[in-house]
Amino acid sequence: MRKTFGSGSTWEQTLGYSRAVQVDNTLYISATAASGDNGIVGEGFYTQTRYILEKLGAVLAEAGFDYADVVQSKLYLTDISKWEDAGRAHGEVFGEIRPTLSLVHVLPFLDPKMLVEIELVAQKSAS
């Protein structure tokens, strides 16, 4: 079984991707930024990370998953020296769940106000 989920972003149509793709019991969520209706939300790494994780929570819920199902998390940061700010926000959501984590230092994103992107993989038990 393969099912796709969209957010309505024009980028999805232009670039030909889905916000998330579910294959059987696994949900793959595309890298997500702190973008809202009026542009980028938040000016710091902590604030953007929290906002993104809230957005991702909604994507998980739409697909019938939740944070407890997340097995892998990747944070892409434009300034690796701010890893503690992003990490603190991540830990507030995933502290007890403890998925795998990668912190990746990247060049600036398309919008220089974007500081963080997060990509998740979630998996439901086969039972």
PDB file of N, CA and C in Angstrom:
ATOM      1  N   MET A   1       0.837  -1.181   0.000  1.00  0.00           N
ATOM      2  CA  MET A   1       0.000   0.000   0.000  1.00  0.00           C
ATOM      3  C   MET A   1       0.886   1.250   0.000  1.00  0.00           C
ATOM      4  N   ARG A   2       0.569   2.184  -0.875  1.00  0.00           N
ATOM      5  CA  ARG A   2       1.280   3.463  -0.939  1.00  0.00           C
ATOM      6  C   ARG A   2       0.245   4.578  -0.951  1.00  0.00           C
ATOM      7  N   LYS A   3       0.416   5.534  -0.050  1.00  0.00           N
ATOM      8  CA  LYS A   3      -0.517   6.659   0.048  1.00  0.00           C
ATOM      9  C   LYS A   3       0.291   7.934   0.222  1.00  0.00           C
ATOM     10  N   THR A   4      -0.121   8.999  -0.470  1.00  0.00           N
ATOM     11  CA  THR A   4       0.585  10.277  -0.360  1.00  0.00           C
ATOM     12  C   THR A   4      -0.267  11.295   0.389  1.00  0.00           C
ATOM     13  N   PHE A   5       0.422  12.241   1.037  1.00  0.00           N
ATOM     14  CA  PHE A   5      -0.218  13.309   1.794  1.00  0.00           C
ATOM     15  C   PHE A   5       0.391  14.628   1.350  1.00  0.00           C
ATOM     16  N   GLY A   6      -0.455  15.616   1.115  1.00  0.00           N
ATOM     17  CA  GLY A   6       0.016  16.933   0.711  1.00  0.00           C
ATOM     18  C   GLY A   6      -0.367  17.985   1.723  1.00  0.00           C
ATOM     19  N   SER A   7       0.330  19.110   1.657  1.00  0.00           N
ATOM     20  CA  SER A   7       0.022  20.220   2.559  1.00  0.00           C
ATOM     21  C   SER A   7      -0.651  21.371   1.823  1.00  0.00           C
ATOM     22  N   GLY A   8      -0.710  21.274   0.498  1.00  0.00           N
ATOM     23  CA  GLY A   8      -1.256  22.366  -0.288  1.00  0.00           C
ATOM     24  C   GLY A   8      -0.204  23.366  -0.732  1.00  0.00           C
ATOM     25  N   SER A   9       1.032  23.132  -0.369  1.00  0.00           N
ATOM     26  CA  SER A   9       2.124  24.026  -0.751  1.00  0.00           C
ATOM     27  C   SER A   9       2.315  24.008  -2.263  1.00  0.00           C
ATOM     28  N   THR A  10       2.519  25.180  -2.846  1.00  0.00           N
ATOM     29  CA  THR A  10       2.783  25.250  -4.285  1.00  0.00           C
ATOM     30  C   THR A  10       4.094  24.553  -4.637  1.00  0.00           C
ATOM     31  N   TRP A  11       5.023  24.503  -3.675  1.00  0.00           N
ATOM     32  CA  TRP A  11       6.297  23.828  -3.919  1.00  0.00           C
ATOM     33  C   TRP A  11       6.090  22.354  -4.238  1.00  0.00           C
ATOM     34  N   GLU A  12       5.114  21.724  -3.605  1.00  0.00           N
ATOM     35  CA  GLU A  12       4.876  20.302  -3.833  1.00  0.00           C
ATOM     36  C   GLU A  12       4.533  20.035  -5.292  1.00  0.00           C
ATOM     37  N   GLN A  13       3.662  20.847  -5.857  1.00  0.00           N
ATOM     38  CA  GLN A  13       3.278  20.684  -7.261  1.00  0.00           C
ATOM     39  C   GLN A  13       4.438  21.041  -8.186  1.00  0.00           C
ATOM     40  N   THR A  14       5.096  22.162  -7.908  1.00  0.00           N
ATOM     41  CA  THR A  14       6.187  22.630  -8.766  1.00  0.00           C
ATOM     42  C   THR A  14       7.340  21.634  -8.812  1.00  0.00           C
ATOM     43  N   LEU A  15       7.723  21.120  -7.650  1.00  0.00           N
ATOM     44  CA  LEU A  15       8.879  20.225  -7.569  1.00  0.00           C
ATOM     45  C   LEU A  15       8.517  18.746  -7.688  1.00  0.00           C
ATOM     46  N   GLY A  16       7.224  18.445  -7.650  1.00  0.00           N
ATOM     47  CA  GLY A  16       6.784  17.067  -7.817  1.00  0.00           C
ATOM     48  C   GLY A  16       7.083  16.166  -6.636  1.00  0.00           C
ATOM     49  N   TYR A  17       6.693  16.595  -5.438  1.00  0.00           N
ATOM     50  CA  TYR A  17       6.902  15.766  -4.250  1.00  0.00           C
ATOM     51  C   TYR A  17       5.682  15.830  -3.352  1.00  0.00           C
ATOM     52  N   SER A  18       5.645  14.954  -2.364  1.00  0.00           N
ATOM     53  CA  SER A  18       4.568  14.922  -1.376  1.00  0.00           C
ATOM     54  C   SER A  18       5.111  15.336  -0.021  1.00  0.00           C
ATOM     55  N   ARG A  19       4.261  15.918   0.806  1.00  0.00           N
ATOM     56  CA  ARG A  19       4.655  16.240   2.181  1.00  0.00           C
ATOM     57  C   ARG A  19       5.044  14.962   2.909  1.00  0.00           C
ATOM     58  N   ALA A  20       4.257  13.900   2.658  1.00  0.00           N
ATOM     59  CA  ALA A  20       4.554  12.609   3.277  1.00  0.00           C
ATOM     60  C   ALA A  20       4.093  11.489   2.357  1.00  0.00           C
ATOM     61  N   VAL A  21       4.764  10.356   2.478  1.00  0.00           N
ATOM     62  CA  VAL A  21       4.384   9.156   1.738  1.00  0.00           C
ATOM     63  C   VAL A  21       4.353   7.998   2.730  1.00  0.00           C
ATOM     64  N   GLN A  22       3.222   7.298   2.745  1.00  0.00           N
ATOM     65  CA  GLN A  22       3.103   6.109   3.580  1.00  0.00           C
ATOM     66  C   GLN A  22       3.238   4.882   2.692  1.00  0.00           C
ATOM     67  N   VAL A  23       4.133   3.983   3.063  1.00  0.00           N
ATOM     68  CA  VAL A  23       4.286   2.696   2.399  1.00  0.00           C
ATOM     69  C   VAL A  23       4.100   1.638   3.481  1.00  0.00           C
ATOM     70  N   ASP A  24       3.014   0.900   3.363  1.00  0.00           N
ATOM     71  CA  ASP A  24       2.657  -0.097   4.369  1.00  0.00           C
ATOM     72  C   ASP A  24       2.589   0.565   5.751  1.00  0.00           C
ATOM     73  N   ASN A  25       3.425   0.149   6.691  1.00  0.00           N
ATOM     74  CA  ASN A  25       3.366   0.680   8.056  1.00  0.00           C
ATOM     75  C   ASN A  25       4.367   1.797   8.321  1.00  0.00           C
ATOM     76  N   THR A  26       4.999   2.309   7.262  1.00  0.00           N
ATOM     77  CA  THR A  26       6.031   3.327   7.433  1.00  0.00           C
ATOM     78  C   THR A  26       5.610   4.631   6.767  1.00  0.00           C
ATOM     79  N   LEU A  27       5.827   5.735   7.477  1.00  0.00           N
ATOM     80  CA  LEU A  27       5.517   7.070   6.962  1.00  0.00           C
ATOM     81  C   LEU A  27       6.820   7.854   6.830  1.00  0.00           C
ATOM     82  N   TYR A  28       7.074   8.355   5.624  1.00  0.00           N
ATOM     83  CA  TYR A  28       8.252   9.168   5.338  1.00  0.00           C
ATOM     84  C   TYR A  28       7.781  10.606   5.152  1.00  0.00           C
ATOM     85  N   ILE A  29       8.301  11.524   5.960  1.00  0.00           N
ATOM     86  CA  ILE A  29       7.879  12.926   5.876  1.00  0.00           C
ATOM     87  C   ILE A  29       9.024  13.761   5.328  1.00  0.00           C
ATOM     88  N   SER A  30       8.730  14.515   4.272  1.00  0.00           N
ATOM     89  CA  SER A  30       9.726  15.378   3.634  1.00  0.00           C
ATOM     90  C   SER A  30      10.264  16.419   4.603  1.00  0.00           C
ATOM     91  N   ALA A  31      11.466  16.891   4.305  1.00  0.00           N
ATOM     92  CA  ALA A  31      12.051  17.979   5.092  1.00  0.00           C
ATOM     93  C   ALA A  31      11.059  19.138   5.124  1.00  0.00           C
ATOM     94  N   THR A  32      10.811  19.642   6.316  1.00  0.00           N
ATOM     95  CA  THR A  32       9.786  20.654   6.553  1.00  0.00           C
ATOM     96  C   THR A  32      10.406  21.854   7.248  1.00  0.00           C
ATOM     97  N   ALA A  33      10.054  23.041   6.764  1.00  0.00           N
ATOM     98  CA  ALA A  33      10.575  24.293   7.320  1.00  0.00           C
ATOM     99  C   ALA A  33       9.501  24.991   8.147  1.00  0.00           C
ATOM    100  N   ALA A  34       9.893  26.047   8.815  1.00  0.00           N
ATOM    101  CA  ALA A  34       8.979  26.833   9.657  1.00  0.00           C
ATOM    102  C   ALA A  34       8.245  27.869   8.815  1.00  0.00           C
ATOM    103  N   SER A  35       7.598  27.405   7.764  1.00  0.00           N
ATOM    104  CA  SER A  35       6.865  28.330   6.902  1.00  0.00           C
ATOM    105  C   SER A  35       5.386  28.297   7.261  1.00  0.00           C
ATOM    106  N   GLY A  36       4.817  29.487   7.353  1.00  0.00           N
ATOM    107  CA  GLY A  36       3.405  29.626   7.657  1.00  0.00           C
ATOM    108  C   GLY A  36       2.718  30.426   6.566  1.00  0.00           C
ATOM    109  N   ASP A  37       1.487  30.806   6.805  1.00  0.00           N
ATOM    110  CA  ASP A  37       0.716  31.560   5.812  1.00  0.00           C
ATOM    111  C   ASP A  37       1.346  32.898   5.458  1.00  0.00           C
ATOM    112  N   ASN A  38       2.065  33.485   6.407  1.00  0.00           N
ATOM    113  CA  ASN A  38       2.652  34.810   6.185  1.00  0.00           C
ATOM    114  C   ASN A  38       4.178  34.771   6.124  1.00  0.00           C
ATOM    115  N   GLY A  39       4.732  33.647   5.703  1.00  0.00           N
ATOM    116  CA  GLY A  39       6.185  33.545   5.602  1.00  0.00           C
ATOM    117  C   GLY A  39       6.775  32.682   6.698  1.00  0.00           C
ATOM    118  N   ILE A  40       8.047  32.907   6.978  1.00  0.00           N
ATOM    119  CA  ILE A  40       8.768  32.107   7.963  1.00  0.00           C
ATOM    120  C   ILE A  40       8.339  32.496   9.373  1.00  0.00           C
ATOM    121  N   VAL A  41       8.085  31.491  10.210  1.00  0.00           N
ATOM    122  CA  VAL A  41       7.640  31.697  11.587  1.00  0.00           C
ATOM    123  C   VAL A  41       8.839  31.545  12.520  1.00  0.00           C
ATOM    124  N   GLY A  42       9.100  32.563  13.307  1.00  0.00           N
ATOM    125  CA  GLY A  42      10.174  32.509  14.294  1.00  0.00           C
ATOM    126  C   GLY A  42      11.506  32.965  13.735  1.00  0.00           C
ATOM    127  N   GLU A  43      12.300  33.568  14.614  1.00  0.00           N
ATOM    128  CA  GLU A  43      13.596  34.093  14.190  1.00  0.00           C
ATOM    129  C   GLU A  43      14.767  33.296  14.749  1.00  0.00           C
ATOM    130  N   GLY A  44      14.511  32.360  15.654  1.00  0.00           N
ATOM    131  CA  GLY A  44      15.596  31.608  16.269  1.00  0.00           C
ATOM    132  C   GLY A  44      15.465  30.118  16.011  1.00  0.00           C
ATOM    133  N   PHE A  45      16.529  29.399  16.301  1.00  0.00           N
ATOM    134  CA  PHE A  45      16.554  27.959  16.058  1.00  0.00           C
ATOM    135  C   PHE A  45      15.562  27.214  16.945  1.00  0.00           C
ATOM    136  N   TYR A  46      15.446  27.600  18.204  1.00  0.00           N
ATOM    137  CA  TYR A  46      14.504  26.942  19.103  1.00  0.00           C
ATOM    138  C   TYR A  46      13.068  27.155  18.614  1.00  0.00           C
ATOM    139  N   THR A  47      12.713  28.392  18.337  1.00  0.00           N
ATOM    140  CA  THR A  47      11.343  28.723  17.931  1.00  0.00           C
ATOM    141  C   THR A  47      10.964  28.037  16.626  1.00  0.00           C
ATOM    142  N   GLN A  48      11.862  28.068  15.654  1.00  0.00           N
ATOM    143  CA  GLN A  48      11.558  27.419  14.378  1.00  0.00           C
ATOM    144  C   GLN A  48      11.437  25.904  14.542  1.00  0.00           C
ATOM    145  N   THR A  49      12.302  25.313  15.342  1.00  0.00           N
ATOM    146  CA  THR A  49      12.236  23.864  15.558  1.00  0.00           C
ATOM    147  C   THR A  49      10.920  23.473  16.216  1.00  0.00           C
ATOM    148  N   ARG A  50      10.489  24.209  17.238  1.00  0.00           N
ATOM    149  CA  ARG A  50       9.209  23.917  17.903  1.00  0.00           C
ATOM    150  C   ARG A  50       8.052  24.034  16.915  1.00  0.00           C
ATOM    151  N   TYR A  51       8.062  25.098  16.109  1.00  0.00           N
ATOM    152  CA  TYR A  51       6.981  25.295  15.134  1.00  0.00           C
ATOM    153  C   TYR A  51       6.948  24.141  14.128  1.00  0.00           C
ATOM    154  N   ILE A  52       8.109  23.765  13.625  1.00  0.00           N
ATOM    155  CA  ILE A  52       8.173  22.668  12.655  1.00  0.00           C
ATOM    156  C   ILE A  52       7.653  21.377  13.281  1.00  0.00           C
ATOM    157  N   LEU A  53       8.054  21.092  14.505  1.00  0.00           N
ATOM    158  CA  LEU A  53       7.603  19.863  15.152  1.00  0.00           C
ATOM    159  C   LEU A  53       6.090  19.855  15.351  1.00  0.00           C
ATOM    160  N   GLU A  54       5.492  21.016  15.589  1.00  0.00           N
ATOM    161  CA  GLU A  54       4.028  21.096  15.664  1.00  0.00           C
ATOM    162  C   GLU A  54       3.412  20.782  14.302  1.00  0.00           C
ATOM    163  N   LYS A  55       3.992  21.347  13.229  1.00  0.00           N
ATOM    164  CA  LYS A  55       3.512  21.051  11.874  1.00  0.00           C
ATOM    165  C   LYS A  55       3.623  19.558  11.579  1.00  0.00           C
ATOM    166  N   LEU A  56       4.746  18.976  11.966  1.00  0.00           N
ATOM    167  CA  LEU A  56       4.956  17.558  11.708  1.00  0.00           C
ATOM    168  C   LEU A  56       4.003  16.696  12.524  1.00  0.00           C
ATOM    169  N   GLY A  57       3.650  17.150  13.717  1.00  0.00           N
ATOM    170  CA  GLY A  57       2.656  16.440  14.516  1.00  0.00           C
ATOM    171  C   GLY A  57       1.326  16.348  13.790  1.00  0.00           C
ATOM    172  N   ALA A  58       0.952  17.418  13.095  1.00  0.00           N
ATOM    173  CA  ALA A  58      -0.293  17.421  12.325  1.00  0.00           C
ATOM    174  C   ALA A  58      -0.207  16.460  11.138  1.00  0.00           C
ATOM    175  N   VAL A  59       0.952  16.404  10.492  1.00  0.00           N
ATOM    176  CA  VAL A  59       1.147  15.468   9.375  1.00  0.00           C
ATOM    177  C   VAL A  59       1.050  14.030   9.883  1.00  0.00           C
ATOM    178  N   LEU A  60       1.715  13.756  10.990  1.00  0.00           N
ATOM    179  CA  LEU A  60       1.641  12.421  11.588  1.00  0.00           C
ATOM    180  C   LEU A  60       0.192  12.045  11.889  1.00  0.00           C
ATOM    181  N   ALA A  61      -0.546  12.957  12.515  1.00  0.00           N
ATOM    182  CA  ALA A  61      -1.934  12.686  12.895  1.00  0.00           C
ATOM    183  C   ALA A  61      -2.813  12.433  11.674  1.00  0.00           C
ATOM    184  N   GLU A  62      -2.614  13.226  10.621  1.00  0.00           N
ATOM    185  CA  GLU A  62      -3.412  13.047   9.403  1.00  0.00           C
ATOM    186  C   GLU A  62      -3.241  11.636   8.840  1.00  0.00           C
ATOM    187  N   ALA A  63      -2.052  11.088   8.998  1.00  0.00           N
ATOM    188  CA  ALA A  63      -1.761   9.751   8.475  1.00  0.00           C
ATOM    189  C   ALA A  63      -2.058   8.645   9.492  1.00  0.00           C
ATOM    190  N   GLY A  64      -2.555   9.020  10.677  1.00  0.00           N
ATOM    191  CA  GLY A  64      -2.875   8.027  11.691  1.00  0.00           C
ATOM    192  C   GLY A  64      -1.683   7.595  12.538  1.00  0.00           C
ATOM    193  N   PHE A  65      -0.653   8.432  12.581  1.00  0.00           N
ATOM    194  CA  PHE A  65       0.542   8.176  13.378  1.00  0.00           C
ATOM    195  C   PHE A  65       0.619   9.234  14.476  1.00  0.00           C
ATOM    196  N   ASP A  66       1.565   9.075  15.394  1.00  0.00           N
ATOM    197  CA  ASP A  66       1.845  10.136  16.355  1.00  0.00           C
ATOM    198  C   ASP A  66       3.340  10.159  16.654  1.00  0.00           C
ATOM    199  N   TYR A  67       3.744  11.084  17.511  1.00  0.00           N
ATOM    200  CA  TYR A  67       5.168  11.241  17.811  1.00  0.00           C
ATOM    201  C   TYR A  67       5.803   9.938  18.295  1.00  0.00           C
ATOM    202  N   ALA A  68       5.058   9.137  19.038  1.00  0.00           N
ATOM    203  CA  ALA A  68       5.601   7.889  19.583  1.00  0.00           C
ATOM    204  C   ALA A  68       5.991   6.900  18.489  1.00  0.00           C
ATOM    205  N   ASP A  69       5.469   7.084  17.283  1.00  0.00           N
ATOM    206  CA  ASP A  69       5.790   6.200  16.162  1.00  0.00           C
ATOM    207  C   ASP A  69       7.060   6.615  15.421  1.00  0.00           C
ATOM    208  N   VAL A  70       7.610   7.778  15.739  1.00  0.00           N
ATOM    209  CA  VAL A  70       8.787   8.282  15.023  1.00  0.00           C
ATOM    210  C   VAL A  70      10.013   7.454  15.398  1.00  0.00           C
ATOM    211  N   VAL A  71      10.705   6.952  14.366  1.00  0.00           N
ATOM    212  CA  VAL A  71      11.906   6.142  14.580  1.00  0.00           C
ATOM    213  C   VAL A  71      13.175   6.848  14.103  1.00  0.00           C
ATOM    214  N   GLN A  72      13.016   7.875  13.264  1.00  0.00           N
ATOM    215  CA  GLN A  72      14.186   8.595  12.757  1.00  0.00           C
ATOM    216  C   GLN A  72      13.845  10.069  12.581  1.00  0.00           C
ATOM    217  N   SER A  73      14.781  10.908  12.996  1.00  0.00           N
ATOM    218  CA  SER A  73      14.625  12.356  12.882  1.00  0.00           C
ATOM    219  C   SER A  73      15.922  12.943  12.340  1.00  0.00           C
ATOM    220  N   LYS A  74      15.793  13.837  11.366  1.00  0.00           N
ATOM    221  CA  LYS A  74      16.964  14.526  10.815  1.00  0.00           C
ATOM    222  C   LYS A  74      16.710  16.025  10.885  1.00  0.00           C
ATOM    223  N   LEU A  75      17.617  16.731  11.544  1.00  0.00           N
ATOM    224  CA  LEU A  75      17.545  18.188  11.639  1.00  0.00           C
ATOM    225  C   LEU A  75      18.630  18.783  10.763  1.00  0.00           C
ATOM    226  N   TYR A  76      18.225  19.652   9.854  1.00  0.00           N
ATOM    227  CA  TYR A  76      19.146  20.355   8.975  1.00  0.00           C
ATOM    228  C   TYR A  76      19.257  21.785   9.489  1.00  0.00           C
ATOM    229  N   LEU A  77      20.459  22.191   9.881  1.00  0.00           N
ATOM    230  CA  LEU A  77      20.685  23.492  10.517  1.00  0.00           C
ATOM    231  C   LEU A  77      21.638  24.338   9.681  1.00  0.00           C
ATOM    232  N   THR A  78      21.297  25.616   9.517  1.00  0.00           N
ATOM    233  CA  THR A  78      22.182  26.513   8.767  1.00  0.00           C
ATOM    234  C   THR A  78      23.354  27.001   9.605  1.00  0.00           C
ATOM    235  N   ASP A  79      23.275  26.833  10.921  1.00  0.00           N
ATOM    236  CA  ASP A  79      24.373  27.212  11.820  1.00  0.00           C
ATOM    237  C   ASP A  79      24.501  26.113  12.870  1.00  0.00           C
ATOM    238  N   ILE A  80      25.472  25.240  12.692  1.00  0.00           N
ATOM    239  CA  ILE A  80      25.609  24.078  13.573  1.00  0.00           C
ATOM    240  C   ILE A  80      25.928  24.482  15.008  1.00  0.00           C
ATOM    241  N   SER A  81      26.440  25.691  15.209  1.00  0.00           N
ATOM    242  CA  SER A  81      26.725  26.136  16.580  1.00  0.00           C
ATOM    243  C   SER A  81      25.437  26.345  17.381  1.00  0.00           C
ATOM    244  N   LYS A  82      24.296  26.364  16.719  1.00  0.00           N
ATOM    245  CA  LYS A  82      22.996  26.526  17.389  1.00  0.00           C
ATOM    246  C   LYS A  82      22.315  25.177  17.635  1.00  0.00           C
ATOM    247  N   TRP A  83      23.086  24.098  17.563  1.00  0.00           N
ATOM    248  CA  TRP A  83      22.507  22.770  17.714  1.00  0.00           C
ATOM    249  C   TRP A  83      21.818  22.589  19.055  1.00  0.00           C
ATOM    250  N   GLU A  84      22.306  23.239  20.100  1.00  0.00           N
ATOM    251  CA  GLU A  84      21.679  23.068  21.415  1.00  0.00           C
ATOM    252  C   GLU A  84      20.282  23.677  21.450  1.00  0.00           C
ATOM    253  N   ASP A  85      20.076  24.804  20.771  1.00  0.00           N
ATOM    254  CA  ASP A  85      18.747  25.421  20.727  1.00  0.00           C
ATOM    255  C   ASP A  85      17.754  24.508  20.011  1.00  0.00           C
ATOM    256  N   ALA A  86      18.149  24.022  18.839  1.00  0.00           N
ATOM    257  CA  ALA A  86      17.283  23.110  18.090  1.00  0.00           C
ATOM    258  C   ALA A  86      17.120  21.797  18.850  1.00  0.00           C
ATOM    259  N   GLY A  87      18.202  21.315  19.433  1.00  0.00           N
ATOM    260  CA  GLY A  87      18.166  20.057  20.171  1.00  0.00           C
ATOM    261  C   GLY A  87      17.268  20.107  21.393  1.00  0.00           C
ATOM    262  N   ARG A  88      17.246  21.247  22.067  1.00  0.00           N
ATOM    263  CA  ARG A  88      16.380  21.397  23.244  1.00  0.00           C
ATOM    264  C   ARG A  88      14.913  21.264  22.835  1.00  0.00           C
ATOM    265  N   ALA A  89      14.534  21.925  21.743  1.00  0.00           N
ATOM    266  CA  ALA A  89      13.153  21.829  21.261  1.00  0.00           C
ATOM    267  C   ALA A  89      12.828  20.394  20.845  1.00  0.00           C
ATOM    268  N   HIS A  90      13.762  19.755  20.174  1.00  0.00           N
ATOM    269  CA  HIS A  90      13.575  18.364  19.747  1.00  0.00           C
ATOM    270  C   HIS A  90      13.414  17.461  20.971  1.00  0.00           C
ATOM    271  N   GLY A  91      14.243  17.676  21.975  1.00  0.00           N
ATOM    272  CA  GLY A  91      14.181  16.868  23.190  1.00  0.00           C
ATOM    273  C   GLY A  91      12.882  17.031  23.954  1.00  0.00           C
ATOM    274  N   GLU A  92      12.280  18.216  23.886  1.00  0.00           N
ATOM    275  CA  GLU A  92      11.000  18.437  24.564  1.00  0.00           C
ATOM    276  C   GLU A  92       9.896  17.575  23.965  1.00  0.00           C
ATOM    277  N   VAL A  93       9.995  17.276  22.695  1.00  0.00           N
ATOM    278  CA  VAL A  93       8.995  16.441  22.030  1.00  0.00           C
ATOM    279  C   VAL A  93       9.371  14.963  22.095  1.00  0.00           C
ATOM    280  N   PHE A  94      10.642  14.664  21.877  1.00  0.00           N
ATOM    281  CA  PHE A  94      11.068  13.278  21.708  1.00  0.00           C
ATOM    282  C   PHE A  94      11.900  12.714  22.858  1.00  0.00           C
ATOM    283  N   GLY A  95      11.986  13.427  23.978  1.00  0.00           N
ATOM    284  CA  GLY A  95      12.832  12.993  25.084  1.00  0.00           C
ATOM    285  C   GLY A  95      12.597  11.576  25.556  1.00  0.00           C
ATOM    286  N   GLU A  96      11.349  11.160  25.659  1.00  0.00           N
ATOM    287  CA  GLU A  96      11.025   9.808  26.122  1.00  0.00           C
ATOM    288  C   GLU A  96      10.925   8.818  24.969  1.00  0.00           C
ATOM    289  N   ILE A  97      10.728   9.307  23.768  1.00  0.00           N
ATOM    290  CA  ILE A  97      10.538   8.450  22.593  1.00  0.00           C
ATOM    291  C   ILE A  97      11.886   8.000  22.035  1.00  0.00           C
ATOM    292  N   ARG A  98      12.810   8.920  21.966  1.00  0.00           N
ATOM    293  CA  ARG A  98      14.201   8.682  21.583  1.00  0.00           C
ATOM    294  C   ARG A  98      14.399   8.015  20.225  1.00  0.00           C
ATOM    295  N   PRO A  99      13.917   8.656  19.143  1.00  0.00           N
ATOM    296  CA  PRO A  99      14.216   8.130  17.810  1.00  0.00           C
ATOM    297  C   PRO A  99      15.695   8.357  17.483  1.00  0.00           C
ATOM    298  N   THR A 100      16.154   7.770  16.390  1.00  0.00           N
ATOM    299  CA  THR A 100      17.504   8.095  15.944  1.00  0.00           C
ATOM    300  C   THR A 100      17.511   9.558  15.522  1.00  0.00           C
ATOM    301  N   LEU A 101      18.692  10.182  15.558  1.00  0.00           N
ATOM    302  CA  LEU A 101      18.784  11.612  15.251  1.00  0.00           C
ATOM    303  C   LEU A 101      20.063  11.902  14.482  1.00  0.00           C
ATOM    304  N   SER A 102      19.919  12.703  13.443  1.00  0.00           N
ATOM    305  CA  SER A 102      21.072  13.245  12.722  1.00  0.00           C
ATOM    306  C   SER A 102      20.963  14.756  12.752  1.00  0.00           C
ATOM    307  N   LEU A 103      22.067  15.421  13.076  1.00  0.00           N
ATOM    308  CA  LEU A 103      22.161  16.877  12.981  1.00  0.00           C
ATOM    309  C   LEU A 103      23.074  17.168  11.801  1.00  0.00           C
ATOM    310  N   VAL A 104      22.542  17.857  10.801  1.00  0.00           N
ATOM    311  CA  VAL A 104      23.283  18.087   9.569  1.00  0.00           C
ATOM    312  C   VAL A 104      23.447  19.583   9.345  1.00  0.00           C
ATOM    313  N   HIS A 105      24.683  20.021   9.149  1.00  0.00           N
ATOM    314  CA  HIS A 105      24.976  21.426   8.863  1.00  0.00           C
ATOM    315  C   HIS A 105      24.834  21.635   7.360  1.00  0.00           C
ATOM    316  N   VAL A 106      24.016  22.618   6.979  1.00  0.00           N
ATOM    317  CA  VAL A 106      23.752  22.870   5.561  1.00  0.00           C
ATOM    318  C   VAL A 106      24.036  24.328   5.213  1.00  0.00           C
ATOM    319  N   LEU A 107      24.162  24.574   3.927  1.00  0.00           N
ATOM    320  CA  LEU A 107      24.253  25.947   3.436  1.00  0.00           C
ATOM    321  C   LEU A 107      22.885  26.597   3.616  1.00  0.00           C
ATOM    322  N   PRO A 108      22.777  27.899   3.466  1.00  0.00           N
ATOM    323  CA  PRO A 108      21.465  28.541   3.618  1.00  0.00           C
ATOM    324  C   PRO A 108      20.412  27.919   2.697  1.00  0.00           C
ATOM    325  N   PHE A 109      19.163  27.937   3.177  1.00  0.00           N
ATOM    326  CA  PHE A 109      18.038  27.452   2.390  1.00  0.00           C
ATOM    327  C   PHE A 109      17.625  28.520   1.382  1.00  0.00           C
ATOM    328  N   LEU A 110      16.605  28.220   0.575  1.00  0.00           N
ATOM    329  CA  LEU A 110      16.137  29.161  -0.443  1.00  0.00           C
ATOM    330  C   LEU A 110      15.772  30.515   0.152  1.00  0.00           C
ATOM    331  N   ASP A 111      15.125  30.493   1.303  1.00  0.00           N
ATOM    332  CA  ASP A 111      14.808  31.724   2.029  1.00  0.00           C
ATOM    333  C   ASP A 111      15.810  31.837   3.176  1.00  0.00           C
ATOM    334  N   PRO A 112      16.627  32.881   3.202  1.00  0.00           N
ATOM    335  CA  PRO A 112      17.648  32.994   4.244  1.00  0.00           C
ATOM    336  C   PRO A 112      17.092  33.093   5.667  1.00  0.00           C
ATOM    337  N   LYS A 113      15.788  33.350   5.818  1.00  0.00           N
ATOM    338  CA  LYS A 113      15.178  33.379   7.149  1.00  0.00           C
ATOM    339  C   LYS A 113      14.922  31.969   7.682  1.00  0.00           C
ATOM    340  N   MET A 114      14.963  30.988   6.785  1.00  0.00           N
ATOM    341  CA  MET A 114      14.788  29.591   7.192  1.00  0.00           C
ATOM    342  C   MET A 114      16.082  29.113   7.830  1.00  0.00           C
ATOM    343  N   LEU A 115      16.009  28.688   9.066  1.00  0.00           N
ATOM    344  CA  LEU A 115      17.184  28.247   9.814  1.00  0.00           C
ATOM    345  C   LEU A 115      17.243  26.738   9.992  1.00  0.00           C
ATOM    346  N   VAL A 116      16.075  26.103   9.967  1.00  0.00           N
ATOM    347  CA  VAL A 116      15.956  24.680  10.292  1.00  0.00           C
ATOM    348  C   VAL A 116      14.987  24.014   9.322  1.00  0.00           C
ATOM    349  N   GLU A 117      15.290  22.793   8.949  1.00  0.00           N
ATOM    350  CA  GLU A 117      14.328  21.898   8.312  1.00  0.00           C
ATOM    351  C   GLU A 117      14.420  20.570   9.053  1.00  0.00           C
ATOM    352  N   ILE A 118      13.286  19.884   9.145  1.00  0.00           N
ATOM    353  CA  ILE A 118      13.252  18.593   9.840  1.00  0.00           C
ATOM    354  C   ILE A 118      12.563  17.564   8.952  1.00  0.00           C
ATOM    355  N   GLU A 119      13.141  16.387   8.922  1.00  0.00           N
ATOM    356  CA  GLU A 119      12.622  15.256   8.159  1.00  0.00           C
ATOM    357  C   GLU A 119      12.409  14.103   9.143  1.00  0.00           C
ATOM    358  N   LEU A 120      11.276  13.408   9.035  1.00  0.00           N
ATOM    359  CA  LEU A 120      10.970  12.309   9.959  1.00  0.00           C
ATOM    360  C   LEU A 120      10.615  11.026   9.215  1.00  0.00           C
ATOM    361  N   VAL A 121      10.853   9.914   9.884  1.00  0.00           N
ATOM    362  CA  VAL A 121      10.349   8.613   9.461  1.00  0.00           C
ATOM    363  C   VAL A 121       9.634   8.019  10.671  1.00  0.00           C
ATOM    364  N   ALA A 122       8.405   7.567  10.455  1.00  0.00           N
ATOM    365  CA  ALA A 122       7.622   6.955  11.532  1.00  0.00           C
ATOM    366  C   ALA A 122       7.194   5.566  11.091  1.00  0.00           C
ATOM    367  N   GLN A 123       7.050   4.677  12.063  1.00  0.00           N
ATOM    368  CA  GLN A 123       6.662   3.315  11.730  1.00  0.00           C
ATOM    369  C   GLN A 123       5.696   2.772  12.777  1.00  0.00           C
ATOM    370  N   LYS A 124       4.612   2.187  12.281  1.00  0.00           N
ATOM    371  CA  LYS A 124       3.639   1.518  13.146  1.00  0.00           C
ATOM    372  C   LYS A 124       4.046   0.064  13.318  1.00  0.00           C
ATOM    373  N   SER A 125       3.728  -0.486  14.452  1.00  0.00           N
ATOM    374  CA  SER A 125       3.965  -1.906  14.675  1.00  0.00           C
ATOM    375  C   SER A 125       3.125  -2.707  13.687  1.00  0.00           C
ATOM    376  N   ALA A 126       3.650  -3.798  13.223  1.00  0.00           N
ATOM    377  CA  ALA A 126       2.929  -4.629  12.258  1.00  0.00           C
ATOM    378  C   ALA A 126       1.730  -5.329  12.887  1.00  0.00           C
ATOM    379  N   SER A 127       1.655  -5.333  14.195  1.00  0.00           N
ATOM    380  CA  SER A 127       0.531  -6.006  14.863  1.00  0.00           C
ATOM    381  C   SER A 127      -0.631  -5.128  14.742  1.00  0.00           C
TER     382      SER A 127
END
